Protein backbone atom coordinates (compact mmCIF):
# COMPACT_ATOMS: atom_id res chain seq x y z
CA MET A 1 0.00 0.00 0.00
CA ASN A 2 1.31 3.47 -0.86
CA VAL A 3 0.13 6.54 1.00
CA GLY A 4 1.57 9.76 -0.35
CA GLY A 5 0.64 11.87 2.67
CA LEU A 6 -0.03 11.09 6.31
CA LEU A 7 -0.62 7.44 7.26
CA THR A 8 -2.20 6.88 10.67
CA LEU A 9 -1.81 3.33 11.96
CA ALA A 10 -4.41 2.05 14.42
CA GLY A 11 -6.10 -1.27 15.08
CA ILE A 12 -4.82 -4.59 13.76
CA ILE A 13 -2.92 -5.33 10.55
CA ASN A 14 -3.37 -8.94 9.40
CA VAL A 15 -0.73 -10.42 7.07
CA THR A 16 -1.50 -13.69 5.29
CA THR A 17 0.34 -15.73 2.67
CA ILE A 18 -1.79 -17.24 -0.09
CA ASN A 19 -1.75 -20.17 -2.52
CA GLY A 20 0.67 -22.20 -0.39
CA PHE A 21 3.41 -19.55 -0.49
CA VAL A 22 6.09 -20.12 2.18
CA ALA A 23 8.38 -17.20 3.02
CA GLN A 24 12.06 -18.21 3.15
CA ASN A 25 14.97 -16.86 5.21
CA GLY A 26 16.22 -13.53 3.90
CA MET A 27 13.00 -12.55 2.12
CA SER A 28 11.72 -9.04 2.85
CA PHE A 29 8.26 -7.69 2.20
CA ASP A 30 7.45 -4.00 1.87
CA LEU A 31 3.90 -3.87 3.21
CA VAL A 32 3.30 -0.15 3.26
CA ASN A 33 4.96 3.13 2.21
CA TRP A 34 4.08 6.57 3.49
CA GLY A 35 4.95 10.23 3.29
CA THR A 36 4.55 10.79 7.04
CA LEU A 37 3.57 8.31 9.70
CA ASN A 38 1.46 8.65 12.83
CA SER A 39 1.92 5.42 14.78
CA ALA A 40 1.05 6.83 18.21
CA GLY A 41 -1.99 4.54 18.53
CA PHE A 42 -0.32 1.45 17.07
CA ASP A 43 1.53 -1.34 18.86
CA LEU A 44 3.63 -3.89 16.93
CA ALA A 45 1.73 -6.58 18.84
CA ASN A 46 -1.17 -5.60 16.54
CA LEU A 47 0.79 -6.70 13.47
CA ASN A 48 -0.81 -10.15 13.19
CA LEU A 49 1.46 -12.56 11.29
CA THR A 50 -0.19 -15.82 12.35
CA GLY A 51 -1.49 -16.37 8.80
CA ALA A 52 1.87 -15.63 7.18
CA VAL A 53 3.69 -18.94 6.71
CA THR A 54 7.48 -19.14 7.04
CA ALA A 55 9.88 -21.97 6.33
CA PRO A 56 10.68 -24.31 9.24
CA GLY A 57 13.21 -22.72 11.58
CA ALA A 58 12.33 -19.18 10.46
CA SER A 59 10.38 -16.34 12.04
CA TRP A 60 9.34 -12.78 11.25
CA ASP A 61 11.48 -9.77 12.13
CA THR A 62 9.21 -6.72 12.48
CA SER A 63 11.84 -4.40 13.98
CA THR A 64 11.89 -2.07 10.94
CA PHE A 65 8.16 -2.04 10.24
CA LEU A 66 7.52 1.36 11.85
CA MET A 67 10.59 2.84 10.12
CA ASP A 68 10.15 1.64 6.53
CA GLY A 69 7.06 -0.60 6.42
CA THR A 70 8.97 -3.85 5.86
CA ILE A 71 9.02 -7.24 7.55
CA THR A 72 11.78 -9.80 6.98
CA VAL A 73 12.09 -13.55 7.43
CA VAL A 74 15.03 -14.49 9.67
CA PRO A 75 16.29 -17.72 11.25
CA GLU A 76 14.87 -18.35 14.70
CA PRO A 77 17.29 -17.53 17.55
CA SER A 78 17.61 -21.25 18.35
CA THR A 79 19.02 -21.76 14.84
CA TYR A 80 21.81 -19.26 15.58
CA ALA A 81 22.50 -20.94 18.93
CA LEU A 82 22.78 -24.33 17.25
CA LEU A 83 25.12 -22.93 14.58
CA LEU A 84 27.37 -21.25 17.16
CA GLY A 85 27.43 -24.40 19.28
CA GLY A 86 28.46 -26.49 16.29
CA LEU A 87 31.20 -24.04 15.31
CA GLY A 88 32.47 -24.00 18.89
CA MET A 89 32.63 -27.79 19.01
CA ALA A 90 34.46 -27.90 15.67
CA ALA A 91 37.02 -25.36 16.92
CA PHE A 92 37.50 -27.33 20.14
CA ALA A 93 38.01 -30.59 18.22
CA ARG A 94 40.54 -28.96 15.91
CA ARG A 95 42.45 -27.44 18.82
CA ARG A 96 42.48 -30.80 20.62
CA ALA A 97 43.76 -32.57 17.50
CA ARG A 98 46.61 -30.03 17.16
CA ALA A 99 47.55 -30.49 20.82
CA ARG A 100 47.74 -34.28 20.35
CA LYS A 101 49.84 -33.88 17.20
CA GLN A 102 52.36 -31.63 18.99
CA SER A 103 52.89 -34.00 21.94
């Protein structure tokens, strides 16, 4: 939606994917553009994304919605934790193998 002048957000915004579309990590969606924004009566909790399907292990990032009207699909925090844990274990194993080789 494009609003050339003042956009006043209030109530609930429902976002739904259609025809089996599944949003993937890294995809961004520009939902609304405005000239000026009045979001005084709007809470991001009223941005309802329950009907917007994401890939497994992904979630919606709404942190920029009130700045530029976009939402983005990002990996869930647990995915990052799993990745960091795996990298840490790989580094530990490599370090241990070097220590054995040197002794």
